[in-house]
Amino acid sequence: MTNETSSSIVRPRDVASQCGFCLSTLWGRLNPHSSQFDPAFPRPFRLSSNQSRGAVGWLRADVEGYIKKCAQRSYGGG
């Protein structure tokens, strides 16, 4: 993986698609009050100065790392 690829920003729709779930599940993974909450799920960061409703994104490497950890748990590797 190149630095350019690992540091690229992934938007919510693409994160949900990569993880294999819908957008509402994505937001549930981040919400501590949701039954879908996963504290290991990577946190997004703000892409705009608007703190209440601005655009967010994830580093591709963080999302890929989360997926790998889930796969390792599923297959008993960690």
C-alpha atoms as a PDB file:
ATOM      1  CA  MET A   1       0.000   0.000   0.000  1.00  0.00           C
ATOM      2  CA  THR A   2       1.426   3.390  -0.941  1.00  0.00           C
ATOM      3  CA  ASN A   3       1.326   6.438   1.302  1.00  0.00           C
ATOM      4  CA  GLU A   4      -1.023   8.118  -1.147  1.00  0.00           C
ATOM      5  CA  THR A   5      -3.502   5.258  -0.893  1.00  0.00           C
ATOM      6  CA  SER A   6      -3.281   4.809   2.873  1.00  0.00           C
ATOM      7  CA  SER A   7      -3.703   8.526   3.547  1.00  0.00           C
ATOM      8  CA  SER A   8      -6.589   9.060   1.144  1.00  0.00           C
ATOM      9  CA  ILE A   9      -9.896  10.207   2.590  1.00  0.00           C
ATOM     10  CA  VAL A  10     -12.947   7.981   2.366  1.00  0.00           C
ATOM     11  CA  ARG A  11     -16.433   9.465   2.677  1.00  0.00           C
ATOM     12  CA  PRO A  12     -19.309   7.851   4.625  1.00  0.00           C
ATOM     13  CA  ARG A  13     -21.047   6.171   1.686  1.00  0.00           C
ATOM     14  CA  ASP A  14     -17.792   4.519   0.613  1.00  0.00           C
ATOM     15  CA  VAL A  15     -16.931   3.458   4.176  1.00  0.00           C
ATOM     16  CA  ALA A  16     -20.323   1.780   4.543  1.00  0.00           C
ATOM     17  CA  SER A  17     -19.894   0.059   1.187  1.00  0.00           C
ATOM     18  CA  GLN A  18     -16.391  -1.191   2.042  1.00  0.00           C
ATOM     19  CA  CYS A  19     -17.615  -2.568   5.370  1.00  0.00           C
ATOM     20  CA  GLY A  20     -20.668  -4.177   3.785  1.00  0.00           C
ATOM     21  CA  PHE A  21     -23.416  -2.289   5.551  1.00  0.00           C
ATOM     22  CA  CYS A  22     -25.809   0.618   4.986  1.00  0.00           C
ATOM     23  CA  LEU A  23     -25.292   4.222   6.093  1.00  0.00           C
ATOM     24  CA  SER A  24     -27.597   3.886   9.111  1.00  0.00           C
ATOM     25  CA  THR A  25     -25.473   0.990  10.383  1.00  0.00           C
ATOM     26  CA  LEU A  26     -22.339   3.087   9.861  1.00  0.00           C
ATOM     27  CA  TRP A  27     -23.734   5.835  12.089  1.00  0.00           C
ATOM     28  CA  GLY A  28     -24.933   3.196  14.569  1.00  0.00           C
ATOM     29  CA  ARG A  29     -21.373   1.872  14.883  1.00  0.00           C
ATOM     30  CA  LEU A  30     -20.345   5.369  16.027  1.00  0.00           C
ATOM     31  CA  ASN A  31     -23.254   6.056  18.405  1.00  0.00           C
ATOM     32  CA  PRO A  32     -22.680   4.825  21.978  1.00  0.00           C
ATOM     33  CA  HIS A  33     -26.471   4.746  22.526  1.00  0.00           C
ATOM     34  CA  SER A  34     -27.041   2.394  19.586  1.00  0.00           C
ATOM     35  CA  SER A  35     -27.257  -1.392  19.818  1.00  0.00           C
ATOM     36  CA  GLN A  36     -24.907  -1.401  16.794  1.00  0.00           C
ATOM     37  CA  PHE A  37     -22.192   0.593  18.585  1.00  0.00           C
ATOM     38  CA  ASP A  38     -18.655  -0.700  18.130  1.00  0.00           C
ATOM     39  CA  PRO A  39     -16.001   1.149  20.160  1.00  0.00           C
ATOM     40  CA  ALA A  40     -13.310  -0.311  17.886  1.00  0.00           C
ATOM     41  CA  PHE A  41     -14.823   1.314  14.791  1.00  0.00           C
ATOM     42  CA  PRO A  42     -12.574   4.162  13.581  1.00  0.00           C
ATOM     43  CA  ARG A  43     -13.789   7.673  14.301  1.00  0.00           C
ATOM     44  CA  PRO A  44     -14.295  10.095  11.416  1.00  0.00           C
ATOM     45  CA  PHE A  45     -12.694  13.516  11.315  1.00  0.00           C
ATOM     46  CA  ARG A  46     -14.130  16.835  10.151  1.00  0.00           C
ATOM     47  CA  LEU A  47     -13.348  18.017   6.639  1.00  0.00           C
ATOM     48  CA  SER A  48     -14.882  21.452   7.135  1.00  0.00           C
ATOM     49  CA  SER A  49     -14.839  24.158   9.766  1.00  0.00           C
ATOM     50  CA  ASN A  50     -18.561  23.713  10.481  1.00  0.00           C
ATOM     51  CA  GLN A  51     -18.449  21.788  13.769  1.00  0.00           C
ATOM     52  CA  SER A  52     -22.150  20.943  13.936  1.00  0.00           C
ATOM     53  CA  ARG A  53     -22.939  19.612  10.458  1.00  0.00           C
ATOM     54  CA  GLY A  54     -19.802  19.673   8.355  1.00  0.00           C
ATOM     55  CA  ALA A  55     -18.509  16.957   6.061  1.00  0.00           C
ATOM     56  CA  VAL A  56     -16.600  14.053   7.620  1.00  0.00           C
ATOM     57  CA  GLY A  57     -14.229  11.401   6.344  1.00  0.00           C
ATOM     58  CA  TRP A  58     -11.967   8.550   7.408  1.00  0.00           C
ATOM     59  CA  LEU A  59      -8.438   7.654   6.435  1.00  0.00           C
ATOM     60  CA  ARG A  60      -8.580   4.667   4.112  1.00  0.00           C
ATOM     61  CA  ALA A  61      -5.889   2.904   6.168  1.00  0.00           C
ATOM     62  CA  ASP A  62      -8.021   3.160   9.335  1.00  0.00           C
ATOM     63  CA  VAL A  63     -11.047   1.622   7.619  1.00  0.00           C
ATOM     64  CA  GLU A  64      -8.980  -1.150   6.046  1.00  0.00           C
ATOM     65  CA  GLY A  65      -7.337  -1.854   9.413  1.00  0.00           C
ATOM     66  CA  TYR A  66     -10.749  -2.201  11.065  1.00  0.00           C
ATOM     67  CA  ILE A  67     -11.915  -4.621   8.370  1.00  0.00           C
ATOM     68  CA  LYS A  68      -8.752  -6.718   8.810  1.00  0.00           C
ATOM     69  CA  LYS A  69      -9.245  -6.871  12.591  1.00  0.00           C
ATOM     70  CA  CYS A  70     -12.852  -8.008  12.114  1.00  0.00           C
ATOM     71  CA  ALA A  71     -11.717 -10.722   9.713  1.00  0.00           C
ATOM     72  CA  GLN A  72      -9.022 -11.890  12.134  1.00  0.00           C
ATOM     73  CA  ARG A  73     -11.575 -12.154  14.953  1.00  0.00           C
ATOM     74  CA  SER A  74     -13.954 -14.079  12.687  1.00  0.00           C
ATOM     75  CA  TYR A  75     -11.296 -16.543  11.654  1.00  0.00           C
ATOM     76  CA  GLY A  76      -9.839 -16.889  15.141  1.00  0.00           C
ATOM     77  CA  GLY A  77      -6.616 -15.098  14.375  1.00  0.00           C
ATOM     78  CA  GLY A  78      -6.767 -12.449  17.035  1.00  0.00           C
END
